[in-house]
Amino acid sequence: MGSTSRIAGRVLATGLCRAGLAAGSTVAAGCAEPPPFELVDVGFTDDRSVVLTFSRPLASVDAVDPAAFRLSLARSRTSMTQYYEPGSFGLVEDCREQCEFDDIVQQEICAQSCPGTPGVISVAAVGSAEDEHGLVLALTHAVGKPQCDWIDASREENWEAGFVVAYDGSREPPVRAEDGERLESIMAHWVEAEEFFEVDERFPSGAPHYPIACPH
């Protein structure tokens, strides 16, 4: 049986299971609900592309808003997690000294005008992956040595650090499974946050998809 036939069979079986349970009937042996629709793996395919893999096949993602996603650097230890805009770690050395302000707004204004600064690294497009369970996030700028150096330095200070992807499931149209189930938010508070955000929790709703290793 081909892949399409297997998917159709699962969707049909799921529909029959749900209909039977709703009617209070006895469900035949072997008829089971699908696994929870959730993110199960994340990784870079190159320095500007991130693949998200889910527990079930996806519906079309062509209309999904790229702004519903955000890639960040994050680090966590004890009862604290910190999120950072990865573009802020792309400053050339002269800019680092020039842009050391206590006020984060001044830092951002300075960084945007500093030569060699990538600025905000955001998601430019959402597309389908080769696997029916995945989607691809295309980034506006490449990530690499500056961000990975920060990850290494954080780990030397006993932080667990890496990249992390956040998703705001309230945006329309959302990411959906092939059977129509909507993907729940993943750390949605970070999608709209500023350049830095801190919470008094360890990996809030991010594990086990955190941290994402540097691209190679």
N, C-alpha and C. Protein backbone atom coordinates (compact mmCIF):
# COMPACT_ATOMS: atom_id res chain seq x y z
N MET A 1 0.85 -1.19 0.00
CA MET A 1 0.00 0.00 0.00
C MET A 1 0.88 1.24 0.00
N GLY A 2 0.61 2.23 -0.84
CA GLY A 2 1.41 3.45 -0.94
C GLY A 2 1.18 4.36 0.23
N SER A 3 2.05 5.42 0.29
CA SER A 3 1.98 6.36 1.39
C SER A 3 0.62 7.05 1.44
N THR A 4 0.11 7.48 0.28
CA THR A 4 -1.18 8.17 0.24
C THR A 4 -2.29 7.28 0.75
N SER A 5 -2.26 6.00 0.37
CA SER A 5 -3.28 5.07 0.82
C SER A 5 -3.22 4.86 2.33
N ARG A 6 -2.00 4.80 2.86
CA ARG A 6 -1.86 4.62 4.30
C ARG A 6 -2.42 5.82 5.05
N ILE A 7 -2.13 7.02 4.54
CA ILE A 7 -2.65 8.24 5.18
C ILE A 7 -4.17 8.25 5.14
N ALA A 8 -4.72 7.96 3.96
CA ALA A 8 -6.18 7.95 3.81
C ALA A 8 -6.80 6.94 4.77
N GLY A 9 -6.14 5.80 4.93
CA GLY A 9 -6.66 4.77 5.82
C GLY A 9 -6.66 5.23 7.26
N ARG A 10 -5.58 5.94 7.67
CA ARG A 10 -5.51 6.43 9.05
C ARG A 10 -6.58 7.48 9.31
N VAL A 11 -6.75 8.39 8.34
CA VAL A 11 -7.74 9.45 8.50
C VAL A 11 -9.14 8.86 8.58
N LEU A 12 -9.45 7.89 7.71
CA LEU A 12 -10.76 7.26 7.72
C LEU A 12 -10.98 6.52 9.04
N ALA A 13 -9.96 5.77 9.47
CA ALA A 13 -10.09 5.02 10.72
C ALA A 13 -10.29 5.95 11.90
N THR A 14 -9.56 7.06 11.90
CA THR A 14 -9.70 8.03 12.98
C THR A 14 -11.10 8.61 13.02
N GLY A 15 -11.64 8.93 11.84
CA GLY A 15 -12.99 9.47 11.77
C GLY A 15 -14.02 8.48 12.28
N LEU A 16 -13.87 7.21 11.93
CA LEU A 16 -14.79 6.18 12.39
C LEU A 16 -14.70 6.00 13.90
N CYS A 17 -13.45 6.03 14.43
CA CYS A 17 -13.26 5.90 15.88
C CYS A 17 -13.98 7.02 16.61
N ARG A 18 -13.77 8.26 16.16
CA ARG A 18 -14.36 9.41 16.84
C ARG A 18 -15.88 9.38 16.74
N ALA A 19 -16.38 9.00 15.55
CA ALA A 19 -17.82 8.93 15.38
C ALA A 19 -18.42 7.88 16.30
N GLY A 20 -17.73 6.74 16.41
CA GLY A 20 -18.23 5.66 17.26
C GLY A 20 -18.22 6.06 18.72
N LEU A 21 -17.14 6.70 19.16
CA LEU A 21 -17.05 7.11 20.56
C LEU A 21 -18.10 8.16 20.88
N ALA A 22 -18.33 9.10 19.94
CA ALA A 22 -19.31 10.15 20.16
C ALA A 22 -20.71 9.58 20.30
N ALA A 23 -20.99 8.49 19.57
CA ALA A 23 -22.32 7.88 19.61
C ALA A 23 -22.46 6.89 20.76
N GLY A 24 -21.37 6.65 21.48
CA GLY A 24 -21.42 5.75 22.61
C GLY A 24 -21.38 4.29 22.20
N SER A 25 -20.96 4.01 20.98
CA SER A 25 -20.94 2.63 20.51
C SER A 25 -19.64 1.95 20.91
N THR A 26 -19.60 0.64 20.77
CA THR A 26 -18.39 -0.12 21.04
C THR A 26 -17.44 0.01 19.87
N VAL A 27 -16.20 0.40 20.11
CA VAL A 27 -15.22 0.58 19.05
C VAL A 27 -14.53 -0.74 18.78
N ALA A 28 -14.41 -1.08 17.54
CA ALA A 28 -13.81 -2.36 17.18
C ALA A 28 -12.36 -2.41 17.61
N ALA A 29 -11.87 -3.63 17.90
CA ALA A 29 -10.48 -3.81 18.27
C ALA A 29 -9.57 -3.32 17.15
N GLY A 30 -8.48 -2.65 17.51
CA GLY A 30 -7.55 -2.14 16.51
C GLY A 30 -7.87 -0.74 16.06
N CYS A 31 -9.03 -0.21 16.46
CA CYS A 31 -9.41 1.16 16.09
C CYS A 31 -8.95 2.08 17.21
N ALA A 32 -7.96 2.90 16.94
CA ALA A 32 -7.37 3.71 18.00
C ALA A 32 -7.27 5.17 17.58
N GLU A 33 -7.28 6.04 18.57
CA GLU A 33 -7.08 7.46 18.30
C GLU A 33 -5.64 7.70 17.85
N PRO A 34 -5.41 8.71 17.03
CA PRO A 34 -4.04 9.01 16.59
C PRO A 34 -3.22 9.58 17.74
N PRO A 35 -1.90 9.64 17.61
CA PRO A 35 -1.09 10.25 18.67
C PRO A 35 -1.39 11.74 18.78
N PRO A 36 -1.08 12.36 19.91
CA PRO A 36 -1.27 13.80 20.04
C PRO A 36 -0.53 14.54 18.92
N PHE A 37 -1.15 15.61 18.42
CA PHE A 37 -0.52 16.39 17.36
C PHE A 37 0.45 17.36 18.01
N GLU A 38 1.75 17.10 17.88
CA GLU A 38 2.74 17.89 18.56
C GLU A 38 4.07 17.86 17.81
N LEU A 39 4.93 18.81 18.16
CA LEU A 39 6.28 18.87 17.61
C LEU A 39 7.12 17.77 18.24
N VAL A 40 7.84 17.02 17.40
CA VAL A 40 8.65 15.92 17.94
C VAL A 40 10.14 16.08 17.65
N ASP A 41 10.50 16.97 16.70
CA ASP A 41 11.92 17.16 16.40
C ASP A 41 12.12 18.48 15.68
N VAL A 42 13.27 19.12 15.90
CA VAL A 42 13.64 20.36 15.22
C VAL A 42 15.12 20.32 14.91
N GLY A 43 15.50 20.82 13.73
CA GLY A 43 16.92 20.86 13.39
C GLY A 43 17.19 21.73 12.19
N PHE A 44 18.42 22.21 12.07
CA PHE A 44 18.84 22.99 10.92
C PHE A 44 19.20 22.04 9.76
N THR A 45 18.83 22.42 8.55
CA THR A 45 19.33 21.72 7.36
C THR A 45 20.50 22.51 6.76
N ASP A 46 20.52 23.81 6.99
CA ASP A 46 21.65 24.67 6.65
C ASP A 46 21.53 25.90 7.53
N ASP A 47 22.38 26.91 7.30
CA ASP A 47 22.39 28.05 8.22
C ASP A 47 21.24 29.03 8.05
N ARG A 48 20.32 28.75 7.11
CA ARG A 48 19.15 29.61 6.94
C ARG A 48 17.85 28.83 6.88
N SER A 49 17.88 27.55 7.22
CA SER A 49 16.68 26.72 7.12
C SER A 49 16.54 25.82 8.34
N VAL A 50 15.32 25.82 8.91
CA VAL A 50 15.02 24.99 10.07
C VAL A 50 13.85 24.08 9.71
N VAL A 51 13.99 22.79 9.98
CA VAL A 51 12.92 21.84 9.72
C VAL A 51 12.26 21.43 11.03
N LEU A 52 10.93 21.55 11.08
CA LEU A 52 10.14 21.12 12.22
C LEU A 52 9.41 19.83 11.83
N THR A 53 9.52 18.81 12.65
CA THR A 53 8.87 17.54 12.38
C THR A 53 7.81 17.27 13.43
N PHE A 54 6.64 16.83 12.97
CA PHE A 54 5.50 16.63 13.86
C PHE A 54 5.10 15.16 13.94
N SER A 55 4.25 14.86 14.90
CA SER A 55 3.86 13.48 15.17
C SER A 55 2.89 12.92 14.14
N ARG A 56 2.26 13.81 13.36
CA ARG A 56 1.29 13.36 12.36
C ARG A 56 1.48 14.16 11.07
N PRO A 57 1.02 13.63 9.94
CA PRO A 57 1.13 14.36 8.67
C PRO A 57 0.41 15.70 8.73
N LEU A 58 0.93 16.67 7.98
CA LEU A 58 0.39 18.03 8.00
C LEU A 58 -0.54 18.29 6.83
N ALA A 59 -1.48 19.20 7.07
CA ALA A 59 -2.24 19.80 5.97
C ALA A 59 -1.32 20.81 5.29
N SER A 60 -1.79 21.45 4.23
CA SER A 60 -0.98 22.44 3.52
C SER A 60 -0.57 23.57 4.46
N VAL A 61 0.69 23.99 4.36
CA VAL A 61 1.19 25.10 5.17
C VAL A 61 1.42 26.35 4.32
N ASP A 62 0.96 26.33 3.08
CA ASP A 62 1.23 27.43 2.15
C ASP A 62 0.75 28.79 2.65
N ALA A 63 -0.37 28.81 3.39
CA ALA A 63 -0.94 30.09 3.84
C ALA A 63 -0.55 30.44 5.27
N VAL A 64 0.25 29.62 5.93
CA VAL A 64 0.63 29.89 7.32
C VAL A 64 1.50 31.14 7.39
N ASP A 65 1.20 32.01 8.34
CA ASP A 65 1.92 33.28 8.50
C ASP A 65 3.32 33.02 9.06
N PRO A 66 4.38 33.41 8.35
CA PRO A 66 5.74 33.23 8.89
C PRO A 66 5.95 33.92 10.23
N ALA A 67 5.23 35.02 10.47
CA ALA A 67 5.38 35.77 11.71
C ALA A 67 4.83 35.02 12.92
N ALA A 68 4.15 33.90 12.69
CA ALA A 68 3.67 33.07 13.80
C ALA A 68 4.82 32.31 14.46
N PHE A 69 5.98 32.27 13.78
CA PHE A 69 7.15 31.56 14.31
C PHE A 69 8.25 32.55 14.68
N ARG A 70 9.08 32.13 15.62
CA ARG A 70 10.26 32.92 15.94
C ARG A 70 11.39 32.01 16.39
N LEU A 71 12.55 32.21 15.79
CA LEU A 71 13.75 31.50 16.20
C LEU A 71 14.50 32.37 17.19
N SER A 72 14.99 31.77 18.26
CA SER A 72 15.75 32.55 19.22
C SER A 72 16.89 31.73 19.78
N LEU A 73 17.79 32.44 20.46
CA LEU A 73 18.76 31.79 21.32
C LEU A 73 18.17 31.76 22.72
N ALA A 74 18.44 30.69 23.43
CA ALA A 74 17.92 30.60 24.79
C ALA A 74 18.89 29.82 25.66
N ARG A 75 18.85 30.12 26.94
CA ARG A 75 19.65 29.36 27.88
C ARG A 75 18.90 29.25 29.20
N SER A 76 19.12 28.13 29.88
CA SER A 76 18.35 27.87 31.08
C SER A 76 19.19 27.14 32.13
N ARG A 77 18.95 27.47 33.40
CA ARG A 77 19.53 26.71 34.50
C ARG A 77 18.70 26.98 35.75
N THR A 78 18.77 26.09 36.69
CA THR A 78 17.94 26.13 37.91
C THR A 78 16.50 26.48 37.55
N SER A 79 16.01 27.64 37.98
CA SER A 79 14.61 28.01 37.71
C SER A 79 14.51 29.26 36.84
N MET A 80 15.38 29.39 35.86
CA MET A 80 15.40 30.58 35.00
C MET A 80 15.65 30.19 33.55
N THR A 81 14.93 30.83 32.63
CA THR A 81 15.19 30.69 31.20
C THR A 81 15.26 32.08 30.58
N GLN A 82 16.28 32.32 29.78
CA GLN A 82 16.46 33.60 29.10
C GLN A 82 16.41 33.40 27.59
N TYR A 83 15.68 34.27 26.90
CA TYR A 83 15.57 34.24 25.45
C TYR A 83 16.24 35.47 24.86
N TYR A 84 16.95 35.31 23.76
CA TYR A 84 17.66 36.41 23.12
C TYR A 84 17.39 36.42 21.62
N GLU A 85 17.34 37.62 21.06
CA GLU A 85 17.28 37.76 19.61
C GLU A 85 18.63 37.35 19.03
N PRO A 86 18.67 36.31 18.15
CA PRO A 86 19.98 35.84 17.65
C PRO A 86 20.73 36.87 16.83
N GLY A 87 20.02 37.81 16.19
CA GLY A 87 20.70 38.82 15.40
C GLY A 87 21.55 39.76 16.23
N SER A 88 21.25 39.88 17.52
CA SER A 88 22.02 40.78 18.37
C SER A 88 23.40 40.23 18.67
N PHE A 89 23.66 38.97 18.32
CA PHE A 89 24.97 38.37 18.52
C PHE A 89 25.78 38.33 17.23
N GLY A 90 25.32 39.09 16.22
CA GLY A 90 26.06 39.15 14.97
C GLY A 90 26.90 40.41 14.85
N LEU A 91 27.01 41.16 15.94
CA LEU A 91 27.77 42.41 15.89
C LEU A 91 29.26 42.16 15.70
N VAL A 92 29.87 42.96 14.85
CA VAL A 92 31.33 42.91 14.76
C VAL A 92 31.91 43.49 16.05
N GLU A 93 33.18 43.23 16.33
CA GLU A 93 33.75 43.56 17.64
C GLU A 93 33.66 45.05 17.96
N ASP A 94 33.92 45.92 16.98
CA ASP A 94 33.84 47.36 17.23
C ASP A 94 32.44 47.77 17.66
N CYS A 95 31.44 47.10 17.07
CA CYS A 95 30.05 47.44 17.39
C CYS A 95 29.66 46.98 18.79
N ARG A 96 30.24 45.91 19.25
CA ARG A 96 29.92 45.42 20.59
C ARG A 96 30.24 46.49 21.63
N GLU A 97 31.42 47.10 21.51
CA GLU A 97 31.81 48.13 22.47
C GLU A 97 30.99 49.40 22.27
N GLN A 98 30.72 49.72 21.03
CA GLN A 98 29.98 50.94 20.71
C GLN A 98 28.54 50.88 21.20
N CYS A 99 27.96 49.69 21.24
CA CYS A 99 26.53 49.54 21.52
C CYS A 99 26.24 49.02 22.93
N GLU A 100 27.18 49.20 23.85
CA GLU A 100 26.96 48.75 25.22
C GLU A 100 26.23 49.82 26.02
N PHE A 101 24.90 49.83 25.88
CA PHE A 101 24.06 50.76 26.64
C PHE A 101 23.25 49.97 27.66
N ASP A 102 22.95 50.58 28.79
CA ASP A 102 22.09 49.94 29.78
C ASP A 102 20.67 49.82 29.26
N ASP A 103 20.24 50.80 28.49
CA ASP A 103 18.88 50.81 27.96
C ASP A 103 18.81 49.94 26.71
N ILE A 104 17.91 48.96 26.71
CA ILE A 104 17.85 48.02 25.60
C ILE A 104 17.37 48.68 24.31
N VAL A 105 16.56 49.76 24.41
CA VAL A 105 16.11 50.47 23.21
C VAL A 105 17.30 51.14 22.54
N GLN A 106 18.16 51.77 23.33
CA GLN A 106 19.37 52.39 22.78
C GLN A 106 20.27 51.34 22.13
N GLN A 107 20.38 50.16 22.76
CA GLN A 107 21.17 49.08 22.19
C GLN A 107 20.64 48.70 20.81
N GLU A 108 19.33 48.58 20.71
CA GLU A 108 18.73 48.15 19.44
C GLU A 108 18.94 49.19 18.35
N ILE A 109 18.74 50.47 18.68
CA ILE A 109 18.94 51.55 17.70
C ILE A 109 20.38 51.56 17.22
N CYS A 110 21.30 51.42 18.15
CA CYS A 110 22.71 51.40 17.81
C CYS A 110 23.06 50.20 16.94
N ALA A 111 22.54 49.04 17.32
CA ALA A 111 22.86 47.81 16.59
C ALA A 111 22.37 47.86 15.16
N GLN A 112 21.19 48.44 14.95
CA GLN A 112 20.63 48.49 13.60
C GLN A 112 21.47 49.36 12.66
N SER A 113 22.18 50.34 13.22
CA SER A 113 22.97 51.25 12.38
C SER A 113 24.44 50.85 12.30
N CYS A 114 24.79 49.76 12.97
CA CYS A 114 26.18 49.35 13.04
C CYS A 114 26.53 48.43 11.87
N PRO A 115 27.59 48.74 11.11
CA PRO A 115 27.94 47.91 9.96
C PRO A 115 28.21 46.45 10.37
N GLY A 116 27.71 45.55 9.56
CA GLY A 116 27.94 44.13 9.81
C GLY A 116 26.91 43.48 10.70
N THR A 117 25.94 44.25 11.19
CA THR A 117 24.91 43.69 12.07
C THR A 117 23.76 43.12 11.24
N PRO A 118 23.38 41.86 11.44
CA PRO A 118 22.28 41.30 10.66
C PRO A 118 20.93 41.85 11.05
N GLY A 119 20.80 42.45 12.27
CA GLY A 119 19.50 42.91 12.71
C GLY A 119 18.68 41.74 13.21
N VAL A 120 17.37 41.86 13.14
CA VAL A 120 16.49 40.79 13.60
C VAL A 120 16.53 39.63 12.60
N ILE A 121 16.76 38.44 13.12
CA ILE A 121 16.70 37.24 12.28
C ILE A 121 15.31 36.65 12.44
N SER A 122 14.48 36.82 11.44
CA SER A 122 13.10 36.37 11.53
C SER A 122 12.82 35.28 10.49
N VAL A 123 11.61 34.74 10.54
CA VAL A 123 11.20 33.71 9.59
C VAL A 123 10.60 34.40 8.37
N ALA A 124 11.21 34.18 7.22
CA ALA A 124 10.76 34.84 5.99
C ALA A 124 9.65 34.07 5.29
N ALA A 125 9.66 32.74 5.41
CA ALA A 125 8.68 31.93 4.69
C ALA A 125 8.52 30.59 5.38
N VAL A 126 7.33 30.00 5.20
CA VAL A 126 7.03 28.66 5.71
C VAL A 126 6.70 27.78 4.51
N GLY A 127 7.35 26.64 4.42
CA GLY A 127 7.11 25.74 3.29
C GLY A 127 7.02 24.29 3.74
N SER A 128 6.62 23.43 2.84
CA SER A 128 6.51 22.00 3.14
C SER A 128 7.88 21.34 3.08
N ALA A 129 8.10 20.40 3.96
CA ALA A 129 9.32 19.60 3.93
C ALA A 129 9.09 18.40 3.01
N GLU A 130 10.17 17.69 2.70
CA GLU A 130 10.04 16.50 1.86
C GLU A 130 9.17 15.45 2.55
N ASP A 131 9.31 15.34 3.86
CA ASP A 131 8.49 14.40 4.62
C ASP A 131 7.13 15.04 4.93
N GLU A 132 6.07 14.27 4.82
CA GLU A 132 4.72 14.78 5.03
C GLU A 132 4.47 15.24 6.47
N HIS A 133 5.36 14.86 7.39
CA HIS A 133 5.22 15.25 8.78
C HIS A 133 5.94 16.57 9.09
N GLY A 134 6.59 17.20 8.11
CA GLY A 134 7.44 18.34 8.40
C GLY A 134 7.12 19.61 7.65
N LEU A 135 7.64 20.71 8.19
CA LEU A 135 7.61 21.99 7.49
C LEU A 135 8.97 22.65 7.64
N VAL A 136 9.26 23.60 6.74
CA VAL A 136 10.56 24.27 6.71
C VAL A 136 10.38 25.76 6.98
N LEU A 137 11.17 26.28 7.90
CA LEU A 137 11.21 27.72 8.15
C LEU A 137 12.44 28.29 7.47
N ALA A 138 12.23 29.24 6.54
CA ALA A 138 13.33 29.92 5.85
C ALA A 138 13.62 31.22 6.58
N LEU A 139 14.87 31.43 6.99
CA LEU A 139 15.24 32.60 7.78
C LEU A 139 15.68 33.77 6.91
N THR A 140 15.52 34.98 7.43
CA THR A 140 15.91 36.17 6.69
C THR A 140 17.43 36.34 6.62
N HIS A 141 18.15 35.83 7.63
CA HIS A 141 19.60 35.92 7.68
C HIS A 141 20.16 34.59 8.17
N ALA A 142 21.40 34.34 7.82
CA ALA A 142 22.06 33.11 8.25
C ALA A 142 22.45 33.22 9.73
N VAL A 143 22.48 32.08 10.40
CA VAL A 143 23.03 32.00 11.75
C VAL A 143 24.32 31.19 11.67
N GLY A 144 25.22 31.43 12.62
CA GLY A 144 26.49 30.72 12.53
C GLY A 144 27.40 31.00 13.71
N LYS A 145 28.64 31.39 13.42
CA LYS A 145 29.68 31.48 14.45
C LYS A 145 29.33 32.41 15.62
N PRO A 146 28.84 33.65 15.39
CA PRO A 146 28.56 34.51 16.55
C PRO A 146 27.57 33.88 17.52
N GLN A 147 26.51 33.29 16.99
CA GLN A 147 25.50 32.67 17.85
C GLN A 147 26.04 31.40 18.52
N CYS A 148 26.79 30.61 17.76
CA CYS A 148 27.32 29.36 18.31
C CYS A 148 28.40 29.61 19.35
N ASP A 149 29.17 30.69 19.18
CA ASP A 149 30.15 31.08 20.19
C ASP A 149 29.45 31.43 21.50
N TRP A 150 28.31 32.13 21.39
CA TRP A 150 27.54 32.49 22.58
C TRP A 150 27.01 31.24 23.28
N ILE A 151 26.55 30.27 22.50
CA ILE A 151 26.07 29.01 23.07
C ILE A 151 27.19 28.31 23.82
N ASP A 152 28.37 28.23 23.19
CA ASP A 152 29.52 27.57 23.83
C ASP A 152 29.92 28.28 25.13
N ALA A 153 29.93 29.62 25.09
CA ALA A 153 30.30 30.39 26.29
C ALA A 153 29.28 30.18 27.41
N SER A 154 28.02 30.10 27.05
CA SER A 154 26.98 29.88 28.06
C SER A 154 27.13 28.50 28.69
N ARG A 155 27.44 27.52 27.88
CA ARG A 155 27.61 26.16 28.40
C ARG A 155 28.82 26.08 29.34
N GLU A 156 29.85 26.85 29.05
CA GLU A 156 31.01 26.89 29.94
C GLU A 156 30.65 27.45 31.31
N GLU A 157 29.58 28.26 31.36
CA GLU A 157 29.10 28.83 32.62
C GLU A 157 27.96 27.98 33.21
N ASN A 158 27.83 26.74 32.72
CA ASN A 158 26.87 25.77 33.25
C ASN A 158 25.41 26.07 32.91
N TRP A 159 25.21 26.82 31.82
CA TRP A 159 23.86 26.97 31.28
C TRP A 159 23.62 25.84 30.28
N GLU A 160 22.37 25.41 30.14
CA GLU A 160 22.00 24.59 29.00
C GLU A 160 21.51 25.56 27.94
N ALA A 161 22.18 25.59 26.80
CA ALA A 161 21.92 26.65 25.83
C ALA A 161 21.80 26.12 24.42
N GLY A 162 21.10 26.87 23.58
CA GLY A 162 20.95 26.51 22.18
C GLY A 162 19.89 27.37 21.52
N PHE A 163 19.53 26.99 20.31
CA PHE A 163 18.43 27.66 19.61
C PHE A 163 17.10 27.04 20.05
N VAL A 164 16.04 27.80 19.90
CA VAL A 164 14.70 27.29 20.20
C VAL A 164 13.70 27.98 19.27
N VAL A 165 12.64 27.26 18.91
CA VAL A 165 11.59 27.81 18.05
C VAL A 165 10.32 27.99 18.85
N ALA A 166 9.73 29.18 18.73
CA ALA A 166 8.44 29.47 19.36
C ALA A 166 7.36 29.59 18.27
N TYR A 167 6.10 29.33 18.66
CA TYR A 167 5.00 29.38 17.70
C TYR A 167 3.75 29.90 18.39
N ASP A 168 3.10 30.87 17.75
CA ASP A 168 1.86 31.43 18.26
C ASP A 168 0.68 30.79 17.52
N GLY A 169 0.02 29.84 18.20
CA GLY A 169 -1.07 29.10 17.57
C GLY A 169 -2.37 29.86 17.44
N SER A 170 -2.41 31.11 17.91
CA SER A 170 -3.65 31.89 17.81
C SER A 170 -3.78 32.58 16.45
N ARG A 171 -2.70 32.59 15.68
CA ARG A 171 -2.74 33.28 14.39
C ARG A 171 -3.46 32.45 13.35
N GLU A 172 -4.06 33.15 12.38
CA GLU A 172 -4.82 32.48 11.32
C GLU A 172 -4.14 32.68 9.97
N PRO A 173 -4.13 31.65 9.11
CA PRO A 173 -4.52 30.27 9.42
C PRO A 173 -3.41 29.57 10.18
N PRO A 174 -3.76 28.62 11.04
CA PRO A 174 -2.75 27.95 11.86
C PRO A 174 -2.13 26.75 11.14
N VAL A 175 -1.12 26.17 11.76
CA VAL A 175 -0.61 24.88 11.31
C VAL A 175 -1.62 23.83 11.75
N ARG A 176 -2.00 22.96 10.83
CA ARG A 176 -2.97 21.91 11.14
C ARG A 176 -2.45 20.55 10.71
N ALA A 177 -2.90 19.53 11.44
CA ALA A 177 -2.66 18.16 11.00
C ALA A 177 -3.54 17.89 9.80
N GLU A 178 -3.25 16.82 9.10
CA GLU A 178 -4.02 16.50 7.90
C GLU A 178 -5.50 16.29 8.19
N ASP A 179 -5.82 15.84 9.40
CA ASP A 179 -7.22 15.63 9.75
C ASP A 179 -7.88 16.90 10.28
N GLY A 180 -7.14 18.03 10.28
CA GLY A 180 -7.72 19.31 10.67
C GLY A 180 -7.41 19.79 12.07
N GLU A 181 -6.79 18.95 12.90
CA GLU A 181 -6.49 19.38 14.27
C GLU A 181 -5.46 20.50 14.27
N ARG A 182 -5.69 21.48 15.11
CA ARG A 182 -4.86 22.68 15.18
C ARG A 182 -3.66 22.46 16.10
N LEU A 183 -2.50 22.97 15.69
CA LEU A 183 -1.31 22.88 16.53
C LEU A 183 -1.40 23.90 17.66
N GLU A 184 -1.14 23.45 18.88
CA GLU A 184 -1.15 24.35 20.02
C GLU A 184 0.11 25.21 20.05
N SER A 185 0.01 26.34 20.72
CA SER A 185 1.14 27.27 20.81
C SER A 185 2.33 26.63 21.51
N ILE A 186 3.52 27.08 21.12
CA ILE A 186 4.77 26.66 21.74
C ILE A 186 5.50 27.92 22.18
N MET A 187 5.51 28.20 23.46
CA MET A 187 6.17 29.39 24.00
C MET A 187 5.75 30.66 23.26
N ALA A 188 4.46 30.83 23.09
CA ALA A 188 3.94 31.95 22.29
C ALA A 188 4.33 33.31 22.86
N HIS A 189 4.61 33.40 24.16
CA HIS A 189 4.98 34.68 24.77
C HIS A 189 6.23 35.27 24.13
N TRP A 190 7.10 34.41 23.57
CA TRP A 190 8.35 34.90 23.00
C TRP A 190 8.15 35.45 21.59
N VAL A 191 7.11 35.04 20.89
CA VAL A 191 6.91 35.46 19.50
C VAL A 191 6.78 36.97 19.40
N GLU A 192 6.12 37.59 20.37
CA GLU A 192 5.90 39.04 20.34
C GLU A 192 6.81 39.80 21.29
N ALA A 193 7.72 39.12 21.97
CA ALA A 193 8.58 39.78 22.95
C ALA A 193 9.63 40.65 22.27
N GLU A 194 10.32 41.44 23.07
CA GLU A 194 11.38 42.29 22.56
C GLU A 194 12.66 41.47 22.36
N GLU A 195 13.79 42.13 22.34
CA GLU A 195 15.06 41.47 22.05
C GLU A 195 15.50 40.52 23.17
N PHE A 196 15.00 40.74 24.37
CA PHE A 196 15.37 39.90 25.50
C PHE A 196 14.14 39.62 26.34
N PHE A 197 14.04 38.38 26.85
CA PHE A 197 12.89 37.99 27.66
C PHE A 197 13.36 36.96 28.67
N GLU A 198 12.89 37.08 29.91
CA GLU A 198 13.31 36.15 30.96
C GLU A 198 12.10 35.65 31.72
N VAL A 199 12.06 34.37 32.02
CA VAL A 199 10.97 33.79 32.81
C VAL A 199 11.57 32.98 33.95
N ASP A 200 10.83 32.90 35.04
CA ASP A 200 11.28 32.16 36.22
C ASP A 200 10.83 30.71 36.15
N GLU A 201 11.18 30.06 35.07
CA GLU A 201 10.88 28.65 34.87
C GLU A 201 12.04 28.02 34.12
N ARG A 202 12.16 26.73 34.23
CA ARG A 202 13.18 26.01 33.48
C ARG A 202 12.53 25.39 32.26
N PHE A 203 12.94 25.80 31.07
CA PHE A 203 12.42 25.29 29.80
C PHE A 203 10.89 25.29 29.76
N PRO A 204 10.22 26.41 30.00
CA PRO A 204 8.76 26.39 30.03
C PRO A 204 8.16 25.96 28.70
N SER A 205 7.45 24.85 28.72
CA SER A 205 6.76 24.27 27.57
C SER A 205 7.65 24.11 26.35
N GLY A 206 8.96 24.10 26.54
CA GLY A 206 9.87 23.94 25.41
C GLY A 206 10.46 22.56 25.29
N ALA A 207 10.66 21.87 26.40
CA ALA A 207 11.23 20.52 26.38
C ALA A 207 10.21 19.57 25.75
N PRO A 208 10.64 18.54 25.03
CA PRO A 208 12.02 18.10 24.83
C PRO A 208 12.63 18.60 23.51
N HIS A 209 12.14 19.71 23.00
CA HIS A 209 12.59 20.20 21.69
C HIS A 209 13.64 21.29 21.85
N TYR A 210 14.30 21.29 22.95
CA TYR A 210 15.25 22.34 23.29
C TYR A 210 16.45 21.67 23.95
N PRO A 211 17.66 22.05 23.67
CA PRO A 211 18.01 23.07 22.68
C PRO A 211 18.23 22.48 21.29
N ILE A 212 18.16 23.33 20.26
CA ILE A 212 18.46 22.93 18.89
C ILE A 212 19.94 23.18 18.66
N ALA A 213 20.62 22.19 18.14
CA ALA A 213 22.07 22.31 17.92
C ALA A 213 22.38 23.30 16.81
N CYS A 214 23.60 23.85 16.83
CA CYS A 214 24.04 24.78 15.80
C CYS A 214 24.07 24.10 14.42
N PRO A 215 23.84 24.87 13.35
CA PRO A 215 23.97 24.30 12.01
C PRO A 215 25.43 23.96 11.71
N HIS A 216 25.64 22.95 10.89
CA HIS A 216 27.01 22.55 10.54
C HIS A 216 27.25 22.78 9.05
